[in-house]
Amino acid sequence: MEAIFHPPKRRPKVYESFEAPLPVSFSKDSPSEQQIDIYKAEITHQHILVRESEHIQALYGKGYFGKGVLSKSRPQHSISERWEYVGDSCLPVIPLAKYEQHVRWARSALLAQGLDEEAVSQVLKELTHPIELDLEEELGEEQADFQEHQESEECPTQASDQDQMMEDVAAARSDDGEGSGFSEAKRPRRQGDPLYDPLADLYPEEPEQIDPAKLAKIKCKRHDDWIVHCGCRIDASEMMSGGSVSDTKGCNLSVAHGYVLVEESEEEDEDGDEDIKRSTKGKLVCRINPFNMMEYLQLSYEEAFFLVYALGCLSVFRDGEALTILQLWRMFRSAQPNFEMTYAVYHYFRSKGWVPKSGVKYGTDFMLYRKGPPFYHASYSVVVERSDESFQGAPLRPFTWRSLAALSRITANVSKELMFSYVVVPSGMTEEDFSSPECLKRLKVQEIIVSRWISSRERTEQEEI
């Protein structure tokens, strides 16, 4: 019986556009000698981490590879929802309780390095003392001249930048059908480029998305990124106050991230930790952030190997040395059981345009998304199995009728379909053959959709007939 393909369930609110299915270009118009951008990842405690912000945006924005270590999915963690200008720099505003938590974390980190309690207290006392931030001295003469040059050419006044941003927002909204009868929060938007949307022709009544060319001029100060990439709402003016392209160029964010504005009162508490003043709401005091938390992109083994082996756009380093494809293959196989089976399935679905993500939340190996998690809910929960050419052999995950029924019911309750993806291993392949990724050329993948039979629904349908 042939399985029936059900269209994926679209998400009701999407505030970003579809950029590309993969972080490499396969356009026929591009020259053949065009070089592919090579991104960098590092192995840290058996985790594959991408640290550079440009590489993070490229890998997640084009294909939705990996997830943020501090975020639910998209790597967009920010130290604060509120930002204020100090001179030419935009600094995060955090409450005193959060700053004290950072101080405690810094204390624990210093104690773990073997320092005594008195030395740690002295260091933190000097580090957390209120300071008068003079960015001109921090930036140096060369960067200060660069700021003046940027301000003279691109941003004559801060007010004009804000006015220009509001004009861009208004122009983008006008193209989105503001008078279509929908409220600003409930107005539907097309999920990405219709060229890559298989359901675009089935929903002609939806309004077109906002013009990407106009959105590209709007900057989100909350994430220091274009608003088309970060996913913030276009009317979130509190996140973009004074934000424009030239404002970001005019301030040194690497310096700004080392400082925070702590919301304090003018009354001091003698029992305060590390001589920090306690309050609920009051003036803003600039302090050094003693414990910075950086947002990294974490890749699964299948995602990292696909970027290295299939696309050739990623280099994975360990102890400063780039690893070869064979070294990565053997490392991933030793760290993750049955890696060759799960990667074969991952490669199979990626090559067909699906976006596989981890399915551990629902007790499966993968979740399959059409285009990406921001646009559609997952359509299938995939369980990877191994079999020979006669579909025999010991399963990777032995199921009983009870466990299979439970998994099928859980999958149905979250509006997904259960799929068994069998990796067919030819007869004659030995364990030695799996020591190299060349074995992938001999493997085949066969998928089977498992449906749950509900007696009450079946009886109702028969009575109607």
Protein backbone atom coordinates (compact mmCIF):
# COMPACT_ATOMS: atom_id res chain seq x y z
CA MET A 1 0.00 0.00 0.00
CA GLU A 2 1.49 3.32 -1.04
CA ALA A 3 1.77 5.94 1.66
CA ILE A 4 -0.18 9.17 1.28
CA PHE A 5 1.88 12.33 1.47
CA HIS A 6 0.30 14.92 3.72
CA PRO A 7 1.38 18.54 3.27
CA PRO A 8 3.41 19.87 6.19
CA LYS A 9 1.62 22.03 8.73
CA ARG A 10 2.54 25.66 8.25
CA ARG A 11 3.44 27.83 11.21
CA PRO A 12 0.94 30.68 11.74
CA LYS A 13 3.50 33.45 12.34
CA VAL A 14 6.82 33.69 10.57
CA TYR A 15 9.04 36.75 10.83
CA GLU A 16 11.95 35.73 8.64
CA SER A 17 12.49 34.86 5.01
CA PHE A 18 13.96 31.72 3.49
CA GLU A 19 17.53 32.48 2.40
CA ALA A 20 18.96 29.25 0.95
CA PRO A 21 18.60 25.48 1.40
CA LEU A 22 22.36 24.97 1.85
CA PRO A 23 25.34 27.17 2.80
CA VAL A 24 26.90 26.72 -0.66
CA SER A 25 25.86 27.97 -4.08
CA PHE A 26 24.94 25.54 -6.85
CA SER A 27 23.68 28.13 -9.30
CA LYS A 28 24.32 27.37 -12.97
CA ASP A 29 25.00 31.06 -13.61
CA SER A 30 27.88 31.20 -11.14
CA PRO A 31 31.36 30.55 -12.56
CA SER A 32 32.75 27.07 -12.09
CA GLU A 33 35.94 28.41 -10.54
CA GLN A 34 33.99 30.22 -7.82
CA GLN A 35 35.47 29.33 -4.43
CA ILE A 36 33.24 27.96 -1.68
CA ASP A 37 33.39 29.68 1.67
CA ILE A 38 35.02 27.41 4.23
CA TYR A 39 33.62 27.67 7.74
CA LYS A 40 35.44 26.65 10.89
CA ALA A 41 34.35 24.42 13.76
CA GLU A 42 36.18 23.06 16.79
CA ILE A 43 35.87 19.86 18.78
CA THR A 44 35.48 20.64 22.48
CA HIS A 45 34.77 17.72 24.83
CA GLN A 46 33.33 15.70 21.91
CA HIS A 47 31.07 18.59 20.90
CA ILE A 48 31.28 20.31 17.51
CA LEU A 49 31.15 24.08 18.11
CA VAL A 50 31.19 26.99 15.67
CA ARG A 51 32.40 30.15 17.41
CA GLU A 52 32.70 32.89 14.77
CA SER A 53 29.49 34.91 14.45
CA GLU A 54 29.66 35.17 10.65
CA HIS A 55 30.01 31.41 10.32
CA ILE A 56 27.17 30.86 12.77
CA GLN A 57 24.82 33.10 10.80
CA ALA A 58 25.77 31.44 7.50
CA LEU A 59 25.37 27.84 8.67
CA TYR A 60 22.10 28.37 10.51
CA GLY A 61 20.62 30.93 8.13
CA LYS A 62 21.33 28.78 5.06
CA GLY A 63 20.03 25.31 5.81
CA TYR A 64 19.36 25.55 9.57
CA PHE A 65 22.36 23.50 10.63
CA GLY A 66 22.94 23.12 14.37
CA LYS A 67 21.41 24.97 17.32
CA GLY A 68 22.48 27.65 19.75
CA VAL A 69 24.01 26.41 23.00
CA LEU A 70 22.13 29.10 24.97
CA SER A 71 19.02 29.31 22.78
CA LYS A 72 16.19 26.96 21.97
CA SER A 73 17.08 26.72 18.31
CA ARG A 74 18.31 29.81 16.46
CA PRO A 75 21.51 31.14 18.10
CA GLN A 76 20.13 34.51 19.18
CA HIS A 77 20.84 34.60 22.91
CA SER A 78 21.24 38.14 24.21
CA ILE A 79 22.43 39.22 27.63
CA SER A 80 19.53 41.67 27.90
CA GLU A 81 16.32 42.72 26.21
CA ARG A 82 17.09 46.37 26.89
CA TRP A 83 19.97 48.41 25.47
CA GLU A 84 21.05 52.00 26.11
CA TYR A 85 23.56 54.29 24.46
CA VAL A 86 26.69 55.42 26.32
CA GLY A 87 28.48 57.74 23.99
CA ASP A 88 28.67 55.94 20.67
CA SER A 89 28.30 52.44 22.12
CA CYS A 90 25.10 50.57 22.87
CA LEU A 91 25.38 48.68 26.16
CA PRO A 92 23.04 46.04 27.64
CA VAL A 93 21.03 46.94 30.74
CA ILE A 94 20.69 44.18 33.33
CA PRO A 95 19.14 44.16 36.82
CA LEU A 96 21.35 44.06 39.88
CA ALA A 97 20.31 40.50 40.75
CA LYS A 98 21.50 39.22 37.38
CA TYR A 99 24.80 41.05 37.73
CA GLU A 100 25.31 39.51 41.17
CA GLN A 101 24.71 36.11 39.62
CA HIS A 102 27.49 36.80 37.10
CA VAL A 103 29.76 37.77 40.00
CA ARG A 104 29.02 34.48 41.75
CA TRP A 105 29.79 32.56 38.58
CA ALA A 106 33.08 34.44 38.20
CA ARG A 107 33.92 33.66 41.83
CA SER A 108 33.30 29.95 41.28
CA ALA A 109 35.43 29.97 38.13
CA LEU A 110 38.34 31.66 39.91
CA LEU A 111 38.13 29.32 42.89
CA ALA A 112 38.15 26.35 40.53
CA GLN A 113 41.48 27.61 39.17
CA GLY A 114 43.09 27.21 42.61
CA LEU A 115 43.03 30.81 43.86
CA ASP A 116 42.42 31.40 47.56
CA GLU A 117 39.29 33.11 48.88
CA GLU A 118 41.01 36.35 49.82
CA ALA A 119 42.63 36.81 46.43
CA VAL A 120 39.36 36.08 44.63
CA SER A 121 37.48 38.61 46.77
CA GLN A 122 40.10 41.27 46.06
CA VAL A 123 40.00 40.62 42.32
CA LEU A 124 36.21 40.78 42.15
CA LYS A 125 36.11 43.90 44.31
CA GLU A 126 38.36 45.75 41.88
CA LEU A 127 36.66 44.25 38.84
CA THR A 128 33.10 45.17 39.81
CA HIS A 129 33.83 48.73 40.94
CA PRO A 130 31.76 51.39 39.11
CA ILE A 131 33.69 52.95 36.26
CA GLU A 132 33.43 55.96 34.03
CA LEU A 133 33.50 54.51 30.54
CA ASP A 134 35.68 56.49 28.12
CA LEU A 135 35.35 54.75 24.84
CA GLU A 136 37.67 57.10 22.98
CA GLU A 137 40.63 55.89 25.05
CA GLU A 138 39.56 52.26 24.76
CA LEU A 139 39.16 52.36 21.02
CA GLY A 140 42.48 54.08 20.33
CA GLU A 141 43.24 56.85 17.92
CA GLU A 142 42.92 54.72 14.81
CA GLN A 143 39.45 53.39 15.60
CA ALA A 144 38.37 56.82 16.82
CA ASP A 145 39.32 58.29 13.44
CA PHE A 146 37.38 55.49 11.77
CA GLN A 147 34.31 56.39 13.86
CA GLU A 148 34.54 60.03 12.87
CA HIS A 149 34.87 59.04 9.24
CA GLN A 150 31.81 56.79 9.44
CA GLU A 151 29.77 59.43 11.27
CA SER A 152 30.66 62.14 8.77
CA GLU A 153 29.84 60.04 5.69
CA GLU A 154 27.03 57.73 6.77
CA CYS A 155 25.33 59.09 9.90
CA PRO A 156 25.38 62.91 10.20
CA THR A 157 23.02 62.79 13.19
CA GLN A 158 21.43 60.07 15.24
CA ALA A 159 17.99 61.55 14.66
CA SER A 160 18.33 61.35 10.90
CA ASP A 161 19.30 57.66 11.16
CA GLN A 162 16.23 56.95 13.26
CA ASP A 163 14.00 58.84 10.84
CA GLN A 164 15.45 56.89 7.92
CA MET A 165 14.85 53.61 9.77
CA MET A 166 11.23 54.52 10.43
CA GLU A 167 10.79 55.37 6.73
CA ASP A 168 12.20 51.96 5.79
CA VAL A 169 9.83 50.26 8.22
CA ALA A 170 6.87 52.19 6.85
CA ALA A 171 7.85 51.36 3.27
CA ALA A 172 8.21 47.68 4.11
CA ARG A 173 4.83 47.64 5.82
CA SER A 174 3.12 49.35 2.90
CA ASP A 175 4.19 46.52 0.62
CA ASP A 176 2.87 43.96 3.06
CA GLY A 177 -0.76 44.94 2.61
CA GLU A 178 -1.35 46.90 5.79
CA GLY A 179 -4.89 47.73 4.80
CA SER A 180 -5.85 44.11 4.23
CA GLY A 181 -8.01 43.92 7.35
CA PHE A 182 -5.53 42.02 9.53
CA SER A 183 -4.08 43.39 12.73
CA GLU A 184 -0.32 43.93 12.91
CA ALA A 185 0.18 40.83 15.10
CA LYS A 186 -2.14 38.50 13.16
CA ARG A 187 -1.41 39.49 9.57
CA PRO A 188 -0.34 36.30 7.70
CA ARG A 189 2.96 36.29 5.87
CA ARG A 190 4.27 34.02 3.16
CA GLN A 191 6.80 31.55 4.51
CA GLY A 192 9.89 32.43 2.49
CA ASP A 193 10.57 32.57 -1.23
CA PRO A 194 7.82 30.92 -3.32
CA LEU A 195 10.58 29.44 -5.47
CA TYR A 196 11.43 27.05 -2.61
CA ASP A 197 7.95 26.75 -1.11
CA PRO A 198 6.10 23.66 -2.43
CA LEU A 199 2.77 24.96 -1.12
CA ALA A 200 3.01 28.53 -2.38
CA ASP A 201 0.80 27.85 -5.40
CA LEU A 202 -1.87 26.27 -3.19
CA TYR A 203 -2.29 29.45 -1.10
CA PRO A 204 -2.59 32.32 -3.57
CA GLU A 205 -4.84 34.21 -1.16
CA GLU A 206 -1.95 34.90 1.21
CA PRO A 207 -0.29 38.30 0.94
CA GLU A 208 3.24 38.47 -0.36
CA GLN A 209 6.11 38.77 2.09
CA ILE A 210 7.81 42.03 2.92
CA ASP A 211 10.26 43.24 0.32
CA PRO A 212 13.64 41.74 1.37
CA ALA A 213 15.53 44.61 -0.24
CA LYS A 214 13.82 47.09 2.08
CA LEU A 215 14.12 44.83 5.11
CA ALA A 216 17.86 44.61 4.47
CA LYS A 217 18.14 48.27 5.49
CA ILE A 218 16.66 47.71 8.97
CA LYS A 219 18.98 46.79 11.83
CA CYS A 220 17.98 44.95 15.03
CA LYS A 221 19.91 46.30 18.00
CA ARG A 222 18.84 43.41 20.18
CA HIS A 223 20.84 40.85 18.21
CA ASP A 224 23.22 43.11 16.28
CA ASP A 225 21.99 41.60 13.01
CA TRP A 226 19.69 42.37 10.12
CA ILE A 227 16.08 41.98 11.12
CA VAL A 228 15.51 39.56 8.22
CA HIS A 229 18.00 37.19 9.86
CA CYS A 230 17.31 37.49 13.58
CA GLY A 231 13.53 36.93 13.34
CA CYS A 232 12.40 39.87 15.49
CA ARG A 233 9.11 41.56 14.75
CA ILE A 234 9.31 44.55 12.50
CA ASP A 235 7.41 46.78 14.91
CA ALA A 236 9.65 46.01 17.90
CA SER A 237 10.96 49.55 18.08
CA GLU A 238 12.26 49.09 21.60
CA MET A 239 14.73 46.56 20.23
CA MET A 240 15.91 48.91 17.48
CA SER A 241 15.94 52.27 19.21
CA GLY A 242 18.37 54.40 17.30
CA GLY A 243 19.43 51.32 15.40
CA SER A 244 20.73 51.67 11.91
CA VAL A 245 23.51 50.27 9.84
CA SER A 246 25.75 53.24 10.44
CA ASP A 247 25.17 53.16 14.21
CA THR A 248 26.53 49.64 14.39
CA LYS A 249 29.51 50.57 12.24
CA GLY A 250 30.12 53.61 14.39
CA CYS A 251 30.53 51.73 17.69
CA ASN A 252 32.95 49.04 18.71
CA LEU A 253 30.72 46.21 19.89
CA SER A 254 33.69 44.09 20.94
CA VAL A 255 34.45 46.77 23.53
CA ALA A 256 30.80 47.33 24.39
CA HIS A 257 30.13 43.68 25.20
CA GLY A 258 32.72 43.87 27.99
CA TYR A 259 30.61 46.43 29.85
CA VAL A 260 27.07 46.38 31.17
CA LEU A 261 24.74 48.97 32.64
CA VAL A 262 23.56 47.76 36.06
CA GLU A 263 20.24 49.13 37.26
CA GLU A 264 20.87 50.28 40.83
CA SER A 265 19.44 52.61 43.45
CA GLU A 266 21.30 55.39 45.18
CA GLU A 267 20.96 53.68 48.58
CA GLU A 268 23.69 51.23 49.47
CA ASP A 269 23.18 47.98 51.31
CA GLU A 270 26.02 47.24 53.76
CA ASP A 271 25.37 43.50 53.53
CA GLY A 272 25.63 43.49 49.75
CA ASP A 273 27.77 40.89 48.02
CA GLU A 274 31.07 42.32 46.77
CA ASP A 275 30.06 45.90 47.73
CA ILE A 276 27.35 45.93 45.06
CA LYS A 277 24.36 48.18 45.74
CA ARG A 278 20.97 46.51 45.81
CA SER A 279 17.79 47.99 44.40
CA THR A 280 14.68 47.23 42.43
CA LYS A 281 14.80 50.18 40.07
CA GLY A 282 17.01 53.22 39.83
CA LYS A 283 19.97 54.75 38.07
CA LEU A 284 22.21 52.96 35.59
CA VAL A 285 25.81 52.36 36.65
CA CYS A 286 28.41 51.15 34.17
CA ARG A 287 30.42 48.14 35.35
CA ILE A 288 32.66 45.52 33.82
CA ASN A 289 30.89 42.23 33.13
CA PRO A 290 32.90 39.67 35.15
CA PHE A 291 31.44 36.63 33.42
CA ASN A 292 30.70 36.77 29.68
CA MET A 293 28.53 34.02 28.20
CA MET A 294 29.14 33.58 24.49
CA GLU A 295 26.58 32.05 22.15
CA TYR A 296 27.98 29.21 20.03
CA LEU A 297 26.46 27.02 17.35
CA GLN A 298 26.53 23.32 18.21
CA LEU A 299 26.45 20.83 15.35
CA SER A 300 25.47 17.20 15.61
CA TYR A 301 27.85 14.59 14.25
CA GLU A 302 25.64 14.01 11.22
CA GLU A 303 25.40 17.73 10.45
CA ALA A 304 29.14 18.29 10.82
CA PHE A 305 30.06 15.32 8.64
CA PHE A 306 27.55 16.33 5.97
CA LEU A 307 29.07 19.82 5.78
CA VAL A 308 32.57 18.34 5.54
CA TYR A 309 31.96 15.27 3.36
CA ALA A 310 29.01 16.18 1.14
CA LEU A 311 29.39 19.96 0.78
CA GLY A 312 33.05 20.57 1.54
CA CYS A 313 32.31 23.89 3.25
CA LEU A 314 33.42 23.09 6.81
CA SER A 315 36.78 22.39 8.45
CA VAL A 316 36.74 20.76 11.88
CA PHE A 317 39.74 21.46 14.11
CA ARG A 318 41.06 19.65 17.16
CA ASP A 319 43.96 21.09 19.12
CA GLY A 320 44.58 23.58 16.32
CA GLU A 321 44.83 20.99 13.54
CA ALA A 322 42.23 20.38 10.83
CA LEU A 323 40.95 16.81 10.71
CA THR A 324 40.58 14.84 7.51
CA ILE A 325 37.34 13.21 6.37
CA LEU A 326 38.62 9.78 7.33
CA GLN A 327 39.68 10.97 10.78
CA LEU A 328 36.26 12.52 11.39
CA TRP A 329 34.49 9.38 10.21
CA ARG A 330 36.42 7.15 12.59
CA MET A 331 36.08 9.61 15.45
CA PHE A 332 32.32 9.93 15.05
CA ARG A 333 31.91 6.16 14.75
CA SER A 334 33.80 5.58 17.99
CA ALA A 335 31.88 8.32 19.82
CA GLN A 336 28.37 7.45 18.59
CA PRO A 337 27.10 3.90 18.10
CA ASN A 338 25.66 3.15 14.65
CA PHE A 339 26.84 6.50 13.31
CA GLU A 340 27.15 5.09 9.79
CA MET A 341 23.45 4.18 9.82
CA THR A 342 22.16 7.49 11.16
CA TYR A 343 24.39 9.47 8.81
CA ALA A 344 23.24 7.49 5.79
CA VAL A 345 19.64 8.41 6.64
CA TYR A 346 20.59 12.04 7.32
CA HIS A 347 22.40 12.31 3.99
CA TYR A 348 19.47 10.67 2.21
CA PHE A 349 16.86 13.14 3.46
CA ARG A 350 19.11 16.19 3.15
CA SER A 351 19.71 15.35 -0.49
CA LYS A 352 15.94 15.32 -1.01
CA GLY A 353 15.45 18.80 0.43
CA TRP A 354 14.32 17.90 3.95
CA VAL A 355 15.87 19.38 7.10
CA PRO A 356 16.53 16.59 9.62
CA LYS A 357 16.84 17.66 13.25
CA SER A 358 17.27 15.66 16.43
CA GLY A 359 14.18 13.69 17.44
CA VAL A 360 15.24 12.77 20.97
CA LYS A 361 12.40 14.89 22.37
CA TYR A 362 9.86 12.48 20.86
CA GLY A 363 11.86 9.27 21.32
CA THR A 364 13.06 8.99 17.71
CA ASP A 365 16.30 9.60 15.83
CA PHE A 366 15.25 12.50 13.58
CA MET A 367 12.46 14.97 12.93
CA LEU A 368 11.91 15.95 9.31
CA TYR A 369 11.10 19.59 8.48
CA ARG A 370 10.16 21.03 5.15
CA LYS A 371 12.39 24.06 4.45
CA GLY A 372 13.22 24.53 8.13
CA PRO A 373 11.79 24.78 11.66
CA PRO A 374 10.77 28.49 11.36
CA PHE A 375 8.35 27.80 8.48
CA TYR A 376 6.73 24.39 9.08
CA HIS A 377 6.14 22.02 11.94
CA ALA A 378 7.94 18.69 11.67
CA SER A 379 6.12 16.27 9.37
CA TYR A 380 7.72 12.95 10.33
CA SER A 381 9.38 11.29 13.31
CA VAL A 382 12.07 9.01 11.91
CA VAL A 383 13.41 5.82 13.50
CA VAL A 384 16.60 4.49 11.89
CA GLU A 385 16.88 0.72 11.47
CA ARG A 386 19.35 -1.61 9.80
CA SER A 387 18.48 -4.59 7.62
CA ASP A 388 19.88 -6.79 4.89
CA GLU A 389 18.52 -7.09 1.37
CA SER A 390 15.74 -9.43 2.56
CA PHE A 391 14.76 -7.02 5.37
CA GLN A 392 16.03 -9.42 7.99
CA GLY A 393 18.59 -9.11 10.74
CA ALA A 394 18.86 -7.87 14.29
CA PRO A 395 17.19 -4.44 14.67
CA LEU A 396 19.09 -1.52 16.12
CA ARG A 397 16.18 -0.71 18.42
CA PRO A 398 14.12 -3.80 19.36
CA PHE A 399 10.45 -2.87 19.70
CA THR A 400 7.75 -4.70 21.58
CA TRP A 401 4.11 -4.22 20.66
CA ARG A 402 3.67 -2.09 23.75
CA SER A 403 6.64 0.20 23.04
CA LEU A 404 5.72 0.52 19.36
CA ALA A 405 2.12 1.40 20.20
CA ALA A 406 3.30 3.99 22.73
CA LEU A 407 5.69 5.61 20.23
CA SER A 408 3.00 5.63 17.54
CA ARG A 409 0.51 7.25 19.87
CA ILE A 410 2.99 9.92 21.01
CA THR A 411 3.79 10.73 17.39
CA ALA A 412 0.12 11.01 16.47
CA ASN A 413 -0.61 13.26 19.46
CA VAL A 414 1.94 15.81 18.24
CA SER A 415 0.46 15.78 14.71
CA LYS A 416 3.29 13.88 13.07
CA GLU A 417 3.68 10.59 11.25
CA LEU A 418 5.96 7.77 12.36
CA MET A 419 8.48 6.69 9.75
CA PHE A 420 10.86 3.74 9.88
CA SER A 421 13.90 4.37 7.72
CA TYR A 422 15.72 1.12 6.92
CA VAL A 423 19.37 1.22 5.86
CA VAL A 424 19.77 -1.76 3.53
CA VAL A 425 23.26 -3.25 3.87
CA PRO A 426 24.35 -5.46 0.93
CA SER A 427 25.38 -8.99 1.74
CA GLY A 428 29.12 -9.44 1.97
CA MET A 429 29.86 -6.11 3.68
CA THR A 430 32.08 -6.58 6.72
CA GLU A 431 32.96 -4.36 9.65
CA GLU A 432 36.17 -3.45 7.86
CA ASP A 433 34.14 -1.95 5.02
CA PHE A 434 32.50 0.47 7.46
CA SER A 435 35.86 1.90 8.53
CA SER A 436 35.74 4.30 5.58
CA PRO A 437 32.96 6.61 4.31
CA GLU A 438 33.27 4.82 0.95
CA CYS A 439 30.74 2.34 2.35
CA LEU A 440 28.01 4.98 1.95
CA LYS A 441 28.01 4.40 -1.81
CA ARG A 442 26.83 0.81 -1.31
CA LEU A 443 24.07 1.54 1.20
CA LYS A 444 20.41 2.06 0.30
CA VAL A 445 17.64 3.68 2.33
CA GLN A 446 14.02 2.49 2.32
CA GLU A 447 11.37 4.34 4.30
CA ILE A 448 8.13 2.89 5.67
CA ILE A 449 5.36 4.96 7.26
CA VAL A 450 3.63 3.35 10.24
CA SER A 451 0.03 4.43 10.83
CA ARG A 452 -1.99 3.89 13.99
CA TRP A 453 -5.27 2.04 13.61
CA ILE A 454 -8.02 3.49 15.81
CA SER A 455 -10.97 1.15 16.23
CA SER A 456 -13.56 3.83 17.06
CA ARG A 457 -12.63 5.91 14.00
CA GLU A 458 -12.69 2.84 11.75
CA ARG A 459 -16.15 1.86 13.07
CA THR A 460 -17.51 5.37 12.48
CA GLU A 461 -16.26 5.43 8.91
CA GLN A 462 -17.89 2.05 8.17
CA GLU A 463 -21.23 3.21 9.59
CA GLU A 464 -21.16 6.29 7.34
CA ILE A 465 -20.61 4.08 4.30
